[in-house]
Amino acid sequence: MDNLPKKLNKTITITATAAIVALAWIVFVLVVPVKTANGEFLVQEGESLEQIAENLTNRHFIKNKTVFVFLIKVLGAEKNLKAGQYDFGDGVSAIKIAYILSKGLSHTSDIKITIPEGANSWDIDKILADAGVIRSGEFAGKFYADEGFLFPDTYFLKKQEANSETEGIREKMKENFKLKTADFFKNLSSGKKKEVVVTASILEKEAKTENDMRLVAGIIAKRLSLGMFLQIDATVSYGACLRNYQYKYCDVSQIGVANEIRIDSEFNTYMRKGLPPVPISNPGLAALSAAARPLKSDYLYYLSTKSGDKIIYSKTPVEHAKNRKKYLGI
């Protein structure tokens, strides 16, 4: 019994010490600023607190996701987080970030640019030119070689940046691609990564739903393994635009494929086997996921209906010919 007070005192001391250490760590996590090379951060519409905290952690703006989420909830600011483009500057604490996000202190005067999934370099150029950000042809002329790696997303551009720096816009898109696909590509070789991106860029033009994308990806993979021509109109159209229009705007959907398939090029998948040498659009995550996880099936052919809202699959050339006549009248 005489030892009880000593043991109790020791337990209290250990507990108190642990509590002080834990409190000091939490204060360190919340109060000490984190140095970053780039203070810009985008919060998209509909993103949850957990998603925002995850992105902040991945960008090294905060030290601990769990503590940040707890802070926001304790402050009752979870429903007050505002979408927008933020600039936290060079070194800011988690508490300051929580305040900025909850008050919506974003760059409301910035130019908002939305690049849709499947847009190619000509489409991006037109979107930027229509917004008054660049002169027509300026973006595509410089960065067409980055096709496939300009991530489709919403971007907020500072007016001074937008008016003078196309390189900065391109870097935002490429950096966003790296950020959004880091986990996705971490176990893939560079060769496999390129194959996935090229296939995904085709899927953006050939299918709309995730299931159709995976089915078409499976058909592409099967035709490649069998040494068959892919015979994909979208690759032919892209090659025609590249040859005839170079850096001027070209709507690939308006290219007459019937004549183009007779002209040999690296993108003519009616005359050359294999995938085209480079991506033909800039795919989103759904298409990239489908390209990496193709769905196996008995199908070897497919076509889109005239309305483009449905894909018809077939297993044999005879069945495909019947579907062409039935749905396309050819």
Foldseek 3Di string as FASTA:
>chain_A
DVCVVVVVVVVVVVVVVVVVVVVVVLCCQFAWWWFAPFQKDFDDPPDFLLRRLVLCVLRVRTPDSVSLSVVCVVVVQRVQFDGAIAGPDGIDGSNVVSVCRSVVVHDPVFDKFFFDFLAAQLNSQVSLVVSVLDPQLPRLLVCNVCFQQQAGGIDTHHNVCSNPPSPVNSVVRNVVSCSVCVVVCVPPDPVVLQQLSQLLSLLSVQDDDLQVLQQLLQLLVVCLVVQHQNQRQLLLLLVVCCVPPNRGRDDSVPDDSVVSLVDDDLSNSNPDHDTRPGHSHHHHPSSSVSNVNHDHDLFNDWDAAPVRPDIDTDNDPVVVVVCCCVRVVD
